[in-house]
C-alpha atoms as a PDB file:
ATOM      1  CA  MET A   1      85.547  74.532 121.979  1.00  0.00           C
ATOM      2  CA  LYS A   2      87.673  73.979 125.026  1.00  0.00           C
ATOM      3  CA  ASN A   3      86.180  73.326 128.435  1.00  0.00           C
ATOM      4  CA  SER A   4      88.341  76.197 129.703  1.00  0.00           C
ATOM      5  CA  ASP A   5      86.314  78.635 127.555  1.00  0.00           C
ATOM      6  CA  TYR A   6      83.130  77.646 129.394  1.00  0.00           C
ATOM      7  CA  LYS A   7      84.858  78.022 132.761  1.00  0.00           C
ATOM      8  CA  LEU A   8      86.340  81.372 131.764  1.00  0.00           C
ATOM      9  CA  LEU A   9      82.988  82.905 130.859  1.00  0.00           C
ATOM     10  CA  LYS A  10      81.365  81.561 133.999  1.00  0.00           C
ATOM     11  CA  ASN A  11      84.160  83.074 136.101  1.00  0.00           C
ATOM     12  CA  ILE A  12      84.389  86.480 134.431  1.00  0.00           C
ATOM     13  CA  PHE A  13      80.645  87.033 134.692  1.00  0.00           C
ATOM     14  CA  THR A  14      80.223  85.842 138.294  1.00  0.00           C
ATOM     15  CA  ASP A  15      78.626  88.667 140.297  1.00  0.00           C
ATOM     16  CA  PHE A  16      78.374  90.849 137.171  1.00  0.00           C
ATOM     17  CA  LYS A  17      77.276  94.372 138.108  1.00  0.00           C
ATOM     18  CA  VAL A  18      76.639  97.556 136.173  1.00  0.00           C
ATOM     19  CA  ASP A  19      76.069 100.801 138.099  1.00  0.00           C
ATOM     20  CA  ASP A  20      75.899  98.778 141.340  1.00  0.00           C
ATOM     21  CA  GLU A  21      73.027  96.663 139.986  1.00  0.00           C
ATOM     22  CA  GLU A  22      73.573  92.916 139.628  1.00  0.00           C
ATOM     23  CA  VAL A  23      72.792  91.557 136.182  1.00  0.00           C
ATOM     24  CA  PRO A  24      72.281  87.773 136.022  1.00  0.00           C
ATOM     25  CA  VAL A  25      74.403  85.972 133.428  1.00  0.00           C
ATOM     26  CA  GLU A  26      73.451  82.423 132.448  1.00  0.00           C
ATOM     27  CA  TYR A  27      74.560  79.828 129.931  1.00  0.00           C
ATOM     28  CA  ILE A  28      71.987  79.478 127.095  1.00  0.00           C
ATOM     29  CA  LYS A  29      68.789  80.144 129.106  1.00  0.00           C
ATOM     30  CA  TYR A  30      67.872  82.448 131.984  1.00  0.00           C
ATOM     31  CA  LYS A  31      65.268  81.002 134.351  1.00  0.00           C
ATOM     32  CA  GLY A  32      64.959  83.858 136.819  1.00  0.00           C
ATOM     33  CA  SER A  33      62.481  86.707 137.039  1.00  0.00           C
ATOM     34  CA  LYS A  34      64.632  89.826 136.524  1.00  0.00           C
ATOM     35  CA  LYS A  35      63.799  91.913 133.473  1.00  0.00           C
ATOM     36  CA  THR A  36      67.468  92.604 132.709  1.00  0.00           C
ATOM     37  CA  TYR A  37      69.761  89.633 132.141  1.00  0.00           C
ATOM     38  CA  ILE A  38      72.411  88.160 129.866  1.00  0.00           C
ATOM     39  CA  THR A  39      72.746  84.760 128.244  1.00  0.00           C
ATOM     40  CA  TYR A  40      75.704  83.338 126.353  1.00  0.00           C
ATOM     41  CA  THR A  41      76.042  80.515 123.863  1.00  0.00           C
ATOM     42  CA  PHE A  42      79.127  79.086 122.222  1.00  0.00           C
ATOM     43  CA  ILE A  43      78.470  78.932 118.513  1.00  0.00           C
ATOM     44  CA  GLY A  44      81.462  76.866 117.451  1.00  0.00           C
ATOM     45  CA  ASP A  45      84.990  76.945 116.216  1.00  0.00           C
ATOM     46  CA  GLY A  46      85.892  78.376 112.865  1.00  0.00           C
ATOM     47  CA  ASP A  47      88.574  79.877 110.666  1.00  0.00           C
ATOM     48  CA  PHE A  48      90.923  76.991 111.242  1.00  0.00           C
ATOM     49  CA  LYS A  49      94.601  77.477 110.501  1.00  0.00           C
ATOM     50  CA  TYR A  50      96.553  74.619 108.947  1.00  0.00           C
ATOM     51  CA  ALA A  51     100.132  73.890 107.966  1.00  0.00           C
ATOM     52  CA  ASP A  52     101.602  70.611 106.760  1.00  0.00           C
ATOM     53  CA  ASN A  53      98.121  69.024 107.004  1.00  0.00           C
ATOM     54  CA  LYS A  54      97.888  69.765 110.745  1.00  0.00           C
ATOM     55  CA  GLU A  55      95.573  72.086 112.584  1.00  0.00           C
ATOM     56  CA  LEU A  56      97.527  74.930 114.166  1.00  0.00           C
ATOM     57  CA  GLY A  57      94.648  76.841 115.687  1.00  0.00           C
ATOM     58  CA  CYS A  58      91.149  78.215 115.357  1.00  0.00           C
ATOM     59  CA  PHE A  59      88.752  80.824 116.664  1.00  0.00           C
ATOM     60  CA  SER A  60      86.203  80.035 119.369  1.00  0.00           C
ATOM     61  CA  SER A  61      83.011  82.032 118.864  1.00  0.00           C
ATOM     62  CA  VAL A  62      80.465  83.007 121.494  1.00  0.00           C
ATOM     63  CA  ASP A  63      77.201  84.959 121.286  1.00  0.00           C
ATOM     64  CA  ILE A  64      76.296  87.133 124.231  1.00  0.00           C
ATOM     65  CA  ASP A  65      72.654  88.219 124.356  1.00  0.00           C
ATOM     66  CA  ILE A  66      71.548  91.184 126.464  1.00  0.00           C
ATOM     67  CA  TYR A  67      67.872  91.473 127.371  1.00  0.00           C
ATOM     68  CA  SER A  68      66.401  94.449 129.205  1.00  0.00           C
ATOM     69  CA  ASP A  69      63.224  96.439 129.661  1.00  0.00           C
ATOM     70  CA  LYS A  70      65.299  99.658 129.786  1.00  0.00           C
ATOM     71  CA  ASP A  71      68.459 101.211 128.355  1.00  0.00           C
ATOM     72  CA  TYR A  72      71.137  98.523 128.097  1.00  0.00           C
ATOM     73  CA  LEU A  73      74.016 100.560 126.621  1.00  0.00           C
ATOM     74  CA  ALA A  74      76.029 100.638 129.878  1.00  0.00           C
ATOM     75  CA  ILE A  75      75.635  96.850 130.119  1.00  0.00           C
ATOM     76  CA  GLU A  76      76.825  96.446 126.537  1.00  0.00           C
ATOM     77  CA  ASP A  77      79.879  98.641 127.207  1.00  0.00           C
ATOM     78  CA  LYS A  78      80.793  96.608 130.305  1.00  0.00           C
ATOM     79  CA  VAL A  79      80.370  93.273 128.477  1.00  0.00           C
ATOM     80  CA  VAL A  80      82.640  94.454 125.644  1.00  0.00           C
ATOM     81  CA  GLU A  81      85.234  95.698 128.152  1.00  0.00           C
ATOM     82  CA  ILE A  82      85.274  92.414 130.086  1.00  0.00           C
ATOM     83  CA  MET A  83      85.469  90.285 126.954  1.00  0.00           C
ATOM     84  CA  GLU A  84      88.271  92.371 125.432  1.00  0.00           C
ATOM     85  CA  ASN A  85      90.186  92.205 128.735  1.00  0.00           C
ATOM     86  CA  ASN A  86      89.978  88.404 128.403  1.00  0.00           C
ATOM     87  CA  GLU A  87      91.407  88.275 124.868  1.00  0.00           C
ATOM     88  CA  PHE A  88      88.125  88.098 122.963  1.00  0.00           C
ATOM     89  CA  ILE A  89      87.581  90.254 119.884  1.00  0.00           C
ATOM     90  CA  ARG A  90      84.167  91.754 119.161  1.00  0.00           C
ATOM     91  CA  ASN A  91      83.248  90.280 115.813  1.00  0.00           C
ATOM     92  CA  ASP A  92      79.672  91.402 115.198  1.00  0.00           C
ATOM     93  CA  ARG A  93      76.639  93.082 116.776  1.00  0.00           C
ATOM     94  CA  SER A  94      73.019  92.522 115.883  1.00  0.00           C
ATOM     95  CA  PRO A  95      70.603  95.353 115.223  1.00  0.00           C
ATOM     96  CA  ASP A  96      68.663  96.617 118.217  1.00  0.00           C
ATOM     97  CA  MET A  97      65.624  94.399 118.645  1.00  0.00           C
ATOM     98  CA  TYR A  98      62.388  94.560 120.622  1.00  0.00           C
ATOM     99  CA  GLU A  99      60.634  91.329 121.504  1.00  0.00           C
ATOM    100  CA  GLU A 100      56.872  91.773 121.538  1.00  0.00           C
ATOM    101  CA  ASP A 101      56.196  88.561 123.488  1.00  0.00           C
ATOM    102  CA  THR A 102      58.437  89.526 126.444  1.00  0.00           C
ATOM    103  CA  GLY A 103      58.436  93.320 126.189  1.00  0.00           C
ATOM    104  CA  LEU A 104      62.242  93.300 126.308  1.00  0.00           C
ATOM    105  CA  PHE A 105      64.880  94.994 124.218  1.00  0.00           C
ATOM    106  CA  HIS A 106      67.508  92.561 122.947  1.00  0.00           C
ATOM    107  CA  ILE A 107      70.890  92.636 121.231  1.00  0.00           C
ATOM    108  CA  THR A 108      73.407  89.928 120.395  1.00  0.00           C
ATOM    109  CA  ILE A 109      77.140  90.551 120.388  1.00  0.00           C
ATOM    110  CA  GLU A 110      79.448  87.968 118.823  1.00  0.00           C
ATOM    111  CA  PHE A 111      83.003  87.571 120.091  1.00  0.00           C
ATOM    112  CA  LYS A 112      85.905  85.476 118.842  1.00  0.00           C
ATOM    113  CA  LYS A 113      89.011  84.242 120.603  1.00  0.00           C
ATOM    114  CA  GLU A 114      92.005  82.773 118.829  1.00  0.00           C
ATOM    115  CA  ARG A 115      93.221  79.480 120.186  1.00  0.00           C
ATOM    116  CA  MET A 116      96.519  78.034 119.027  1.00  0.00           C
ATOM    117  CA  ARG A 117      97.634  74.440 119.591  1.00  0.00           C
END
């Protein structure tokens, strides 16, 4: 994982808004009090490409988790749009979940970005 990937996500989600409502976006853990928020976690590099016993590139993977006490589909659409505009590919999406302990709906979207050396 390159340091630039961390900086990129922090920058692209600064002042993140959907339908004129600010949605907090935090790395790994959200410590605020809003009921709708996003967290992201880098989950590693994978699918390495090699030639002549040298690494040529890999994919960086990141999970983006959306939590909300209401409909989050517009948030999901905006997240996918922003990530695709920054050269990430949507790789997977979790089932819709409901967390009994928090009363929040939750989904995880996994994105990959190819990085060549």
